[in-house]
């Protein structure tokens, strides 16, 4: 069976490396991107089954990126989880209203992260 593919969009190098490490250990095929602009290019090439995306990034943030993804018929159905240190209820609501399918707060528990991903990929 082919492993599911996850695109991780995160501008913090340490967080990006940690997420890739956790997800690869869990058996996923993982690709990283440092911002939304790179992520949009990666989506075309990598064709992920799920996207894990930070909200606050330079160049193109998660809000701008999700809008583009959800307005494109080729990418609109890809489950997208926002991961953010800004877990204020206003930001969570704004993220879900923008088109994210779910939200995970930083710092996250590995088990919670994997459980949330499995909800969408199982």
N, C-alpha and C. Protein backbone atom coordinates (compact mmCIF):
# COMPACT_ATOMS: atom_id res chain seq x y z
N UNK A 1 0.84 -1.19 0.00
CA UNK A 1 0.00 0.00 0.00
C UNK A 1 0.88 1.25 0.00
N UNK A 2 0.52 2.19 -0.82
CA UNK A 2 1.27 3.46 -0.88
C UNK A 2 1.01 4.25 0.40
N UNK A 3 2.09 4.88 0.93
CA UNK A 3 1.88 5.69 2.13
C UNK A 3 1.21 7.00 1.73
N UNK A 4 0.39 7.50 2.61
CA UNK A 4 -0.31 8.77 2.39
C UNK A 4 0.71 9.90 2.39
N UNK A 5 0.43 10.92 1.59
CA UNK A 5 1.35 12.04 1.43
C UNK A 5 0.84 13.28 2.17
N UNK A 6 1.73 13.87 2.95
CA UNK A 6 1.39 15.07 3.71
C UNK A 6 2.36 16.19 3.34
N UNK A 7 1.80 17.35 3.03
CA UNK A 7 2.60 18.56 2.79
C UNK A 7 2.56 19.39 4.07
N UNK A 8 3.74 19.68 4.62
CA UNK A 8 3.85 20.49 5.84
C UNK A 8 4.34 21.88 5.43
N UNK A 9 3.54 22.90 5.74
CA UNK A 9 3.87 24.28 5.39
C UNK A 9 4.14 25.04 6.68
N UNK A 10 5.41 25.35 6.92
CA UNK A 10 5.83 25.93 8.21
C UNK A 10 7.10 26.74 7.98
N UNK A 11 7.11 28.00 8.42
CA UNK A 11 8.27 28.86 8.20
C UNK A 11 9.37 28.67 9.24
N UNK A 12 9.04 28.13 10.40
CA UNK A 12 10.05 27.89 11.43
C UNK A 12 10.76 26.58 11.13
N UNK A 13 12.05 26.66 10.85
CA UNK A 13 12.83 25.49 10.42
C UNK A 13 12.79 24.35 11.44
N UNK A 14 12.89 24.69 12.73
CA UNK A 14 12.86 23.65 13.77
C UNK A 14 11.52 22.95 13.82
N UNK A 15 10.43 23.72 13.74
CA UNK A 15 9.09 23.12 13.73
C UNK A 15 8.89 22.27 12.49
N UNK A 16 9.36 22.76 11.35
CA UNK A 16 9.23 22.02 10.10
C UNK A 16 9.95 20.68 10.19
N UNK A 17 11.18 20.71 10.67
CA UNK A 17 11.96 19.47 10.81
C UNK A 17 11.31 18.50 11.79
N UNK A 18 10.80 19.03 12.91
CA UNK A 18 10.14 18.19 13.91
C UNK A 18 8.89 17.53 13.32
N UNK A 19 8.06 18.32 12.64
CA UNK A 19 6.84 17.77 12.05
C UNK A 19 7.16 16.70 11.00
N UNK A 20 8.13 16.97 10.15
CA UNK A 20 8.53 16.00 9.13
C UNK A 20 9.01 14.71 9.80
N UNK A 21 9.83 14.84 10.84
CA UNK A 21 10.36 13.68 11.56
C UNK A 21 9.22 12.84 12.14
N UNK A 22 8.29 13.49 12.85
CA UNK A 22 7.17 12.79 13.48
C UNK A 22 6.33 12.06 12.43
N UNK A 23 6.02 12.77 11.35
CA UNK A 23 5.13 12.19 10.34
C UNK A 23 5.80 11.06 9.55
N UNK A 24 7.09 11.20 9.27
CA UNK A 24 7.80 10.12 8.58
C UNK A 24 7.90 8.89 9.47
N UNK A 25 8.16 9.09 10.78
CA UNK A 25 8.21 7.97 11.74
C UNK A 25 6.85 7.25 11.79
N UNK A 26 5.77 8.00 11.57
CA UNK A 26 4.42 7.44 11.60
C UNK A 26 4.06 6.76 10.27
N UNK A 27 5.00 6.81 9.30
CA UNK A 27 4.78 6.09 8.05
C UNK A 27 4.26 6.91 6.88
N UNK A 28 4.20 8.23 7.06
CA UNK A 28 3.73 9.08 5.97
C UNK A 28 4.89 9.50 5.06
N UNK A 29 4.55 9.80 3.83
CA UNK A 29 5.49 10.40 2.89
C UNK A 29 5.30 11.91 3.07
N UNK A 30 6.38 12.64 3.38
CA UNK A 30 6.24 14.05 3.76
C UNK A 30 7.10 14.97 2.90
N UNK A 31 6.52 16.11 2.57
CA UNK A 31 7.23 17.16 1.84
C UNK A 31 7.07 18.44 2.66
N UNK A 32 8.10 19.27 2.73
CA UNK A 32 8.03 20.52 3.47
C UNK A 32 8.04 21.73 2.55
N UNK A 33 7.44 22.81 3.03
CA UNK A 33 7.46 24.09 2.31
C UNK A 33 7.55 25.20 3.36
N UNK A 34 8.33 26.25 3.07
CA UNK A 34 8.57 27.31 4.06
C UNK A 34 7.51 28.41 4.06
N UNK A 35 6.68 28.48 3.04
CA UNK A 35 5.62 29.49 3.00
C UNK A 35 4.54 29.06 2.00
N UNK A 36 3.46 29.81 1.97
CA UNK A 36 2.32 29.47 1.12
C UNK A 36 2.64 29.47 -0.36
N UNK A 37 3.49 30.37 -0.79
CA UNK A 37 3.84 30.45 -2.22
C UNK A 37 4.54 29.16 -2.66
N UNK A 38 5.49 28.71 -1.87
CA UNK A 38 6.20 27.45 -2.17
C UNK A 38 5.21 26.28 -2.07
N UNK A 39 4.33 26.33 -1.09
CA UNK A 39 3.35 25.27 -0.90
C UNK A 39 2.47 25.09 -2.14
N UNK A 40 2.04 26.19 -2.74
CA UNK A 40 1.18 26.10 -3.92
C UNK A 40 1.90 25.39 -5.07
N UNK A 41 3.20 25.64 -5.21
CA UNK A 41 3.98 24.92 -6.23
C UNK A 41 4.10 23.45 -5.86
N UNK A 42 4.35 23.17 -4.58
CA UNK A 42 4.52 21.79 -4.12
C UNK A 42 3.24 20.96 -4.29
N UNK A 43 2.09 21.59 -4.08
CA UNK A 43 0.81 20.89 -4.20
C UNK A 43 0.66 20.32 -5.61
N UNK A 44 1.07 21.10 -6.60
CA UNK A 44 0.98 20.65 -8.01
C UNK A 44 1.86 19.43 -8.26
N UNK A 45 3.07 19.44 -7.71
CA UNK A 45 4.05 18.39 -7.96
C UNK A 45 3.83 17.17 -7.06
N UNK A 46 3.68 17.41 -5.77
CA UNK A 46 3.63 16.35 -4.75
C UNK A 46 2.25 15.69 -4.64
N UNK A 47 1.20 16.43 -4.95
CA UNK A 47 -0.18 15.95 -4.85
C UNK A 47 -0.49 15.32 -3.48
N UNK A 48 -0.44 16.12 -2.41
CA UNK A 48 -0.62 15.58 -1.06
C UNK A 48 -2.05 15.11 -0.79
N UNK A 49 -2.16 14.16 0.15
CA UNK A 49 -3.47 13.68 0.61
C UNK A 49 -3.99 14.58 1.73
N UNK A 50 -3.06 15.34 2.35
CA UNK A 50 -3.43 16.24 3.45
C UNK A 50 -2.36 17.33 3.53
N UNK A 51 -2.79 18.52 3.95
CA UNK A 51 -1.86 19.64 4.14
C UNK A 51 -1.93 20.10 5.59
N UNK A 52 -0.78 20.24 6.20
CA UNK A 52 -0.65 20.76 7.56
C UNK A 52 0.02 22.12 7.41
N UNK A 53 -0.67 23.22 7.77
CA UNK A 53 -0.15 24.54 7.44
C UNK A 53 -0.19 25.52 8.60
N UNK A 54 0.92 26.21 8.79
CA UNK A 54 1.02 27.29 9.76
C UNK A 54 0.16 28.45 9.25
N UNK A 55 -0.33 29.28 10.17
CA UNK A 55 -1.12 30.45 9.76
C UNK A 55 -0.25 31.65 9.44
N UNK A 56 0.72 31.91 10.31
CA UNK A 56 1.54 33.12 10.18
C UNK A 56 2.89 32.78 9.55
N UNK A 57 3.05 33.21 8.30
CA UNK A 57 4.31 32.96 7.57
C UNK A 57 4.63 34.18 6.71
N UNK A 58 5.91 34.36 6.40
CA UNK A 58 6.27 35.45 5.48
C UNK A 58 5.89 35.07 4.05
N UNK A 59 5.97 36.00 3.15
CA UNK A 59 5.69 35.86 1.71
C UNK A 59 4.20 35.63 1.47
N UNK A 60 3.66 34.48 1.91
CA UNK A 60 2.22 34.22 1.78
C UNK A 60 1.78 33.43 3.01
N UNK A 61 0.84 33.99 3.78
CA UNK A 61 0.42 33.31 5.01
C UNK A 61 -0.62 32.23 4.74
N UNK A 62 -1.00 31.53 5.81
CA UNK A 62 -1.94 30.43 5.69
C UNK A 62 -3.32 30.85 5.21
N UNK A 63 -3.76 32.04 5.61
CA UNK A 63 -5.08 32.51 5.20
C UNK A 63 -5.15 32.75 3.69
N UNK A 64 -4.13 33.39 3.17
CA UNK A 64 -4.07 33.65 1.73
C UNK A 64 -3.95 32.34 0.94
N UNK A 65 -3.13 31.44 1.46
CA UNK A 65 -2.88 30.16 0.79
C UNK A 65 -4.14 29.29 0.76
N UNK A 66 -4.86 29.20 1.88
CA UNK A 66 -6.05 28.36 1.94
C UNK A 66 -7.12 28.87 0.97
N UNK A 67 -7.21 30.18 0.85
CA UNK A 67 -8.18 30.77 -0.07
C UNK A 67 -7.92 30.29 -1.51
N UNK A 68 -6.66 30.31 -1.91
CA UNK A 68 -6.29 29.87 -3.26
C UNK A 68 -6.56 28.37 -3.43
N UNK A 69 -6.17 27.58 -2.42
CA UNK A 69 -6.38 26.13 -2.50
C UNK A 69 -7.86 25.77 -2.60
N UNK A 70 -8.69 26.40 -1.79
CA UNK A 70 -10.12 26.06 -1.75
C UNK A 70 -10.88 26.59 -2.96
N UNK A 71 -10.31 27.57 -3.67
CA UNK A 71 -10.96 28.10 -4.87
C UNK A 71 -10.50 27.40 -6.15
N UNK A 72 -9.65 26.38 -6.02
CA UNK A 72 -9.16 25.63 -7.18
C UNK A 72 -9.77 24.22 -7.11
N UNK A 73 -10.49 23.84 -8.14
CA UNK A 73 -11.17 22.53 -8.15
C UNK A 73 -10.20 21.37 -7.94
N UNK A 74 -8.95 21.51 -8.37
CA UNK A 74 -7.96 20.44 -8.22
C UNK A 74 -7.48 20.26 -6.79
N UNK A 75 -7.58 21.30 -5.97
CA UNK A 75 -7.03 21.24 -4.61
C UNK A 75 -8.08 21.48 -3.52
N UNK A 76 -9.29 21.84 -3.90
CA UNK A 76 -10.33 22.21 -2.92
C UNK A 76 -10.67 21.09 -1.95
N UNK A 77 -10.54 19.86 -2.38
CA UNK A 77 -10.95 18.72 -1.54
C UNK A 77 -9.84 18.17 -0.64
N UNK A 78 -8.63 18.71 -0.77
CA UNK A 78 -7.52 18.24 0.08
C UNK A 78 -7.77 18.71 1.51
N UNK A 79 -7.87 17.78 2.48
CA UNK A 79 -8.05 18.21 3.86
C UNK A 79 -6.86 19.05 4.30
N UNK A 80 -7.14 20.18 4.92
CA UNK A 80 -6.09 21.10 5.34
C UNK A 80 -6.27 21.46 6.81
N UNK A 81 -5.23 21.17 7.59
CA UNK A 81 -5.25 21.44 9.03
C UNK A 81 -4.31 22.60 9.31
N UNK A 82 -4.82 23.61 10.00
CA UNK A 82 -3.93 24.72 10.37
C UNK A 82 -3.29 24.39 11.71
N UNK A 83 -2.04 24.76 11.81
CA UNK A 83 -1.28 24.55 13.04
C UNK A 83 -0.73 25.91 13.44
N UNK A 84 -1.13 26.37 14.62
CA UNK A 84 -0.77 27.73 14.97
C UNK A 84 -0.58 27.91 16.47
N UNK A 85 0.35 28.78 16.81
CA UNK A 85 0.58 29.14 18.21
C UNK A 85 -0.49 30.14 18.64
N UNK A 86 -1.18 30.70 17.68
CA UNK A 86 -2.22 31.71 17.96
C UNK A 86 -3.55 30.99 18.13
N UNK A 87 -3.69 30.30 19.26
CA UNK A 87 -4.86 29.45 19.48
C UNK A 87 -6.05 30.21 20.07
N UNK A 88 -6.01 31.52 20.02
CA UNK A 88 -7.16 32.29 20.50
C UNK A 88 -8.38 31.86 19.71
N UNK A 89 -9.54 31.80 20.36
CA UNK A 89 -10.74 31.32 19.70
C UNK A 89 -11.07 32.14 18.45
N UNK A 90 -10.72 33.41 18.44
CA UNK A 90 -10.97 34.26 17.27
C UNK A 90 -10.17 33.74 16.07
N UNK A 91 -8.90 33.41 16.29
CA UNK A 91 -8.06 32.89 15.21
C UNK A 91 -8.55 31.53 14.72
N UNK A 92 -8.97 30.67 15.66
CA UNK A 92 -9.48 29.35 15.28
C UNK A 92 -10.71 29.53 14.41
N UNK A 93 -11.63 30.39 14.82
CA UNK A 93 -12.84 30.64 14.04
C UNK A 93 -12.48 31.22 12.67
N UNK A 94 -11.55 32.16 12.66
CA UNK A 94 -11.13 32.79 11.40
C UNK A 94 -10.52 31.72 10.46
N UNK A 95 -9.72 30.82 11.03
CA UNK A 95 -9.09 29.76 10.23
C UNK A 95 -10.14 28.81 9.65
N UNK A 96 -11.08 28.40 10.48
CA UNK A 96 -12.13 27.48 10.01
C UNK A 96 -13.02 28.18 8.99
N UNK A 97 -13.34 29.45 9.22
CA UNK A 97 -14.14 30.23 8.26
C UNK A 97 -13.40 30.39 6.93
N UNK A 98 -12.08 30.48 6.99
CA UNK A 98 -11.27 30.67 5.78
C UNK A 98 -11.22 29.40 4.93
N UNK A 99 -11.54 28.25 5.54
CA UNK A 99 -11.56 27.02 4.76
C UNK A 99 -10.76 25.87 5.33
N UNK A 100 -10.04 26.11 6.44
CA UNK A 100 -9.31 25.01 7.06
C UNK A 100 -10.32 23.99 7.60
N UNK A 101 -9.97 22.71 7.54
CA UNK A 101 -10.86 21.66 7.99
C UNK A 101 -10.74 21.40 9.49
N UNK A 102 -9.61 21.76 10.06
CA UNK A 102 -9.38 21.55 11.49
C UNK A 102 -8.22 22.42 11.93
N UNK A 103 -7.98 22.44 13.25
CA UNK A 103 -6.92 23.29 13.80
C UNK A 103 -6.21 22.53 14.91
N UNK A 104 -4.90 22.70 14.97
CA UNK A 104 -4.07 22.15 16.04
C UNK A 104 -3.25 23.30 16.61
N UNK A 105 -3.20 23.39 17.93
CA UNK A 105 -2.45 24.46 18.59
C UNK A 105 -1.02 24.03 18.86
N UNK A 106 -0.10 24.99 18.72
CA UNK A 106 1.29 24.79 19.14
C UNK A 106 1.41 25.30 20.57
N UNK A 107 2.17 24.68 21.42
CA UNK A 107 2.84 23.40 21.18
C UNK A 107 1.81 22.27 21.17
N UNK A 108 2.07 21.25 20.37
CA UNK A 108 1.12 20.16 20.22
C UNK A 108 1.68 18.88 20.83
N UNK A 109 0.79 17.98 21.17
CA UNK A 109 1.19 16.64 21.61
C UNK A 109 1.24 15.77 20.37
N UNK A 110 2.29 14.96 20.26
CA UNK A 110 2.45 14.09 19.09
C UNK A 110 1.21 13.24 18.85
N UNK A 111 0.67 12.65 19.92
CA UNK A 111 -0.50 11.78 19.79
C UNK A 111 -1.70 12.56 19.24
N UNK A 112 -1.92 13.78 19.74
CA UNK A 112 -3.04 14.60 19.27
C UNK A 112 -2.89 14.94 17.80
N UNK A 113 -1.67 15.27 17.40
CA UNK A 113 -1.38 15.58 16.00
C UNK A 113 -1.71 14.38 15.11
N UNK A 114 -1.19 13.22 15.47
CA UNK A 114 -1.41 12.02 14.65
C UNK A 114 -2.88 11.59 14.66
N UNK A 115 -3.54 11.73 15.79
CA UNK A 115 -4.98 11.40 15.86
C UNK A 115 -5.77 12.30 14.92
N UNK A 116 -5.47 13.60 14.93
CA UNK A 116 -6.18 14.55 14.07
C UNK A 116 -5.94 14.22 12.59
N UNK A 117 -4.71 13.92 12.24
CA UNK A 117 -4.38 13.56 10.85
C UNK A 117 -5.11 12.28 10.45
N UNK A 118 -5.12 11.29 11.34
CA UNK A 118 -5.79 10.02 11.05
C UNK A 118 -7.29 10.17 10.85
N UNK A 119 -7.89 11.17 11.49
CA UNK A 119 -9.32 11.44 11.27
C UNK A 119 -9.60 11.68 9.79
N UNK A 120 -8.66 12.34 9.12
CA UNK A 120 -8.85 12.71 7.73
C UNK A 120 -8.30 11.67 6.75
N UNK A 121 -7.35 10.89 7.17
CA UNK A 121 -6.67 9.98 6.22
C UNK A 121 -7.04 8.51 6.39
N UNK A 122 -7.85 8.17 7.39
CA UNK A 122 -8.16 6.75 7.57
C UNK A 122 -9.38 6.34 6.76
